Structures are given as structure tokens and as C-alpha cells.
Amino acid sequence: MTVKYHRWGLPLAMTLIVAALSGCSDKTGSKNQQAASPTIPKEEVVYKDSRRVLLDVANLGRIHKSASELLKTYIDPKLVTLSTGEVSTDPEAIARFEKQTAENTVPADSLNPAKNLVRLNQRPKQVELFVVKNEQGEPRSVVVPIAGQGYISLLKGYLALNIHTLKIEAIRFYQQGETPAKGGHIMTDDAWLAQFPGKRVWINDQPQFRVTDKRGQRQDDFTVDALAGATMTSRGVENMINYWLGDKSIRQALLDLQQS
């Protein structure tokens, strides 16, 4: 179920377990951002149940079990310290992080929005990744939380990667406040979302994923078409993938999980 709230209102209730990027902020105190787009209208923010979106991107949404049972059976959380790339499986550390997430008290570092690809003014010191297991209990995928500015709003979602090849398996979003008939389709345009599976991210160890507005041209293994009429929203998605899968974010953690 999709619930709408005014962009500057507080949600009545939010699912707590997987708001792994709660330290990412879209506070509008950035003079650069306000000066660049003073007449852009503010749209409503649309939220989806982040647990369900996590299960969907992990390809678990069609299994007829409760969300809690699916998470317990198939999802193995890992805690990554962004400054070092260290991956922790300590249950106490993960439980503490999830409690901080629920209370919106996750420690965060300040950022200059003009100097980072996703235009955030802060990001959490740690993020939670989710290793997805198959029926035999073997790792098959890893789900990465991603966040960043789109055209006029903060976007939040999940990116699933094959844990062996690190190719994209799926991408889904649970928060956006983009123009409803255009960028807002990042949540609902199945044909656009279907472009991502099988795509690669890194060229020579650097994230080089691309979204192009040159529709109709043959795309390579690193490129998808932009949403029609939503080039800036699509570019925000490109930036989110490249930022969070970069060396200063979680790339090393992904490599460690791939090799473990």
C-alpha cells in the first residue's frame, strides 16, 4: 500500500527495521540548492512500506510467508562502517543500530551538498546491508540501501546485486517526492525498472553506471534509458548508484562479501 504525506509533514508511522539510511538528510538549508531552483514546486512525498520493498527487491515478495518470517529466514544483515569499509556481523552491534534507526538517532557525518554526488548534507556513519540467502541457506544476493537527491526531493530505495558477479539484479524505491506524472514513476514504471537487471556498475574498479536520455539507442552493459520526461530524476538515480557503490562508500564491503 502506498501512503502520501505532504513533503514537509511528518509521517504518522514508519516501518522501522530497514530505514538504513535514516542519517541521510534532505534538509533544505542549502543555499546553493535553494538559489538554483527557487520556483520548483514542492510535491507530496510518497512512502511505501520499506520492509516490503526490501523483500521485493530481494525477489522474496511472492513467497507466501509473513514479512517477519521472510526476513528471519532469508535475510542476513551486515553492518558496514563507511569510513573503514569494515563489515560487522555482531548481533549486538546490529541490534543497537536498528534501535538507533527506529529512534532516528543514527550517528551521522556532515557533508557539503555541493561536494558530493548525491547532494546530501549528512550521511550515517554506518549502513546496514542485507545478504539474501537461497533455500539452502547459501548467499545469492546482497541488497544495498541507496539515497540521494532527485529533481526536487530526497529519494530512498534498495539496489540488489548478485553476490557472485556484483551485477545488478533489481532496484526499487520506497520514498520519493518527484513530479507525480514524471519522476514519480521511479516507483511504478515496470518497463523502466526492468532495464536494470544484468547491468554492470564498475569499469576498471570505478563506478561508471549511466542513465541516458538518448532513448532508442542500443545500450551497453552499464547504461539504461532515462524515464521519459524525467531526466533529472533519472540522473539522480545514476548518481545514487555510483556514489553508494564507490570507494568512499561500500565498494570494499561488497568485495569482501563477494569473496567470503
Foldseek 3Di string as FASTA:
>chain_A
DKDWDAQPDDDPDADQQAPQWLFWDDDPPQPVVCVVPVPDDFFIKMFDHQLLQVCVQLVNNPDPDDSVVQCVPWKQKWKAQLQVLDIDSPPVVSVVSSVCSNVSNAAWDADQLVPALQSTGITGRMGMKIFTADPVRHTFKIKDWWWGDFDRWIWTWIWIAGLQPRATQWIATGIDGDDCVWLVCSHPDPVQRVVRGQADADDPQAGDAEEDCPPPDDDDSRYGYATVPRVRRSSSVSSRVRRCCGPSHNVSNSVVSNVD
